[in-house]
């Protein structure tokens, strides 16, 4: 079972697909989301989002945003 990650910026959908994990720069510190993570909503600060789709790791610098996690669906609304 994998996570479904959707990263949205004001300009466009930056990524929409299956990943194994997502590491995020939370305002209270960096944290990682794995399969079956508890539901959360959290603010994000400036930093790097790292995620692992098929084919290797990817990263994206962000200025801030929000993350929502529920039922293995991870939604990021970020400013790049």
Protein backbone atom coordinates (compact mmCIF):
# COMPACT_ATOMS: atom_id res chain seq x y z
CA UNK A 1 0.00 0.00 0.00
CA UNK A 2 1.34 3.41 -0.94
CA UNK A 3 0.54 7.01 -0.19
CA UNK A 4 -1.15 9.19 -2.78
CA UNK A 5 0.59 12.60 -2.81
CA UNK A 6 -0.76 15.73 -4.44
CA UNK A 7 1.36 18.90 -4.33
CA UNK A 8 -0.45 22.07 -5.42
CA UNK A 9 1.04 25.55 -5.82
CA UNK A 10 -0.88 28.70 -6.80
CA UNK A 11 0.39 28.23 -10.37
CA UNK A 12 -0.33 24.52 -11.02
CA UNK A 13 -0.36 20.93 -9.75
CA UNK A 14 3.34 20.22 -9.10
CA UNK A 15 2.99 16.47 -8.47
CA UNK A 16 0.15 13.95 -8.34
CA UNK A 17 1.03 10.29 -7.81
CA UNK A 18 1.96 7.40 -5.56
CA UNK A 19 4.91 7.67 -3.14
CA UNK A 20 6.41 5.60 -0.33
CA UNK A 21 7.04 8.51 2.04
CA UNK A 22 7.00 12.30 2.34
CA UNK A 23 9.34 14.37 4.56
CA UNK A 24 8.17 17.90 5.39
CA UNK A 25 9.46 21.07 7.09
CA UNK A 26 6.78 21.57 9.77
CA UNK A 27 6.65 24.73 11.85
CA UNK A 28 7.39 22.60 14.95
CA UNK A 29 10.18 20.66 13.23
CA UNK A 30 10.77 18.31 10.35
CA UNK A 31 8.54 15.20 10.16
CA UNK A 32 7.89 12.24 7.87
CA UNK A 33 4.62 10.74 6.64
CA UNK A 34 4.47 7.00 5.93
CA UNK A 35 1.66 4.63 4.97
CA UNK A 36 -1.20 4.50 7.53
CA UNK A 37 -0.18 7.80 9.16
CA UNK A 38 -2.72 9.24 11.58
CA UNK A 39 -4.90 12.02 10.14
CA UNK A 40 -3.31 15.46 10.59
CA UNK A 41 -3.41 19.01 9.34
CA UNK A 42 -0.21 20.99 9.81
CA UNK A 43 1.40 24.23 8.70
CA UNK A 44 4.72 24.12 6.85
CA UNK A 45 7.60 26.57 6.95
CA UNK A 46 10.30 27.39 4.43
CA UNK A 47 12.40 24.35 3.63
CA UNK A 48 12.53 21.23 1.47
CA UNK A 49 9.80 18.69 0.75
CA UNK A 50 11.28 15.26 -0.03
CA UNK A 51 9.19 12.44 -1.50
CA UNK A 52 9.89 9.02 -2.98
CA UNK A 53 7.92 8.10 -6.12
CA UNK A 54 8.85 5.03 -8.18
CA UNK A 55 12.26 5.68 -9.66
CA UNK A 56 13.93 7.46 -6.75
CA UNK A 57 13.79 10.41 -4.41
CA UNK A 58 12.69 13.90 -5.43
CA UNK A 59 12.78 17.18 -3.57
CA UNK A 60 11.24 20.62 -3.86
CA UNK A 61 12.06 23.86 -2.07
CA UNK A 62 9.03 25.63 -0.61
CA UNK A 63 8.41 28.97 1.12
CA UNK A 64 5.62 27.58 3.29
CA UNK A 65 2.16 26.06 3.15
CA UNK A 66 -0.11 23.41 4.65
CA UNK A 67 -0.39 19.61 4.63
CA UNK A 68 -3.44 17.43 5.16
CA UNK A 69 -3.24 13.65 5.66
CA UNK A 70 -6.21 11.27 5.76
CA UNK A 71 -6.61 7.64 4.64
CA UNK A 72 -3.19 7.53 2.89
CA UNK A 73 -4.06 10.70 0.92
CA UNK A 74 -1.47 13.47 1.42
CA UNK A 75 -2.37 16.93 0.10
CA UNK A 76 0.15 19.76 0.12
CA UNK A 77 -0.76 23.35 -0.67
CA UNK A 78 2.56 25.16 -0.97
CA UNK A 79 4.15 28.39 -2.08
CA UNK A 80 7.26 27.80 -4.19
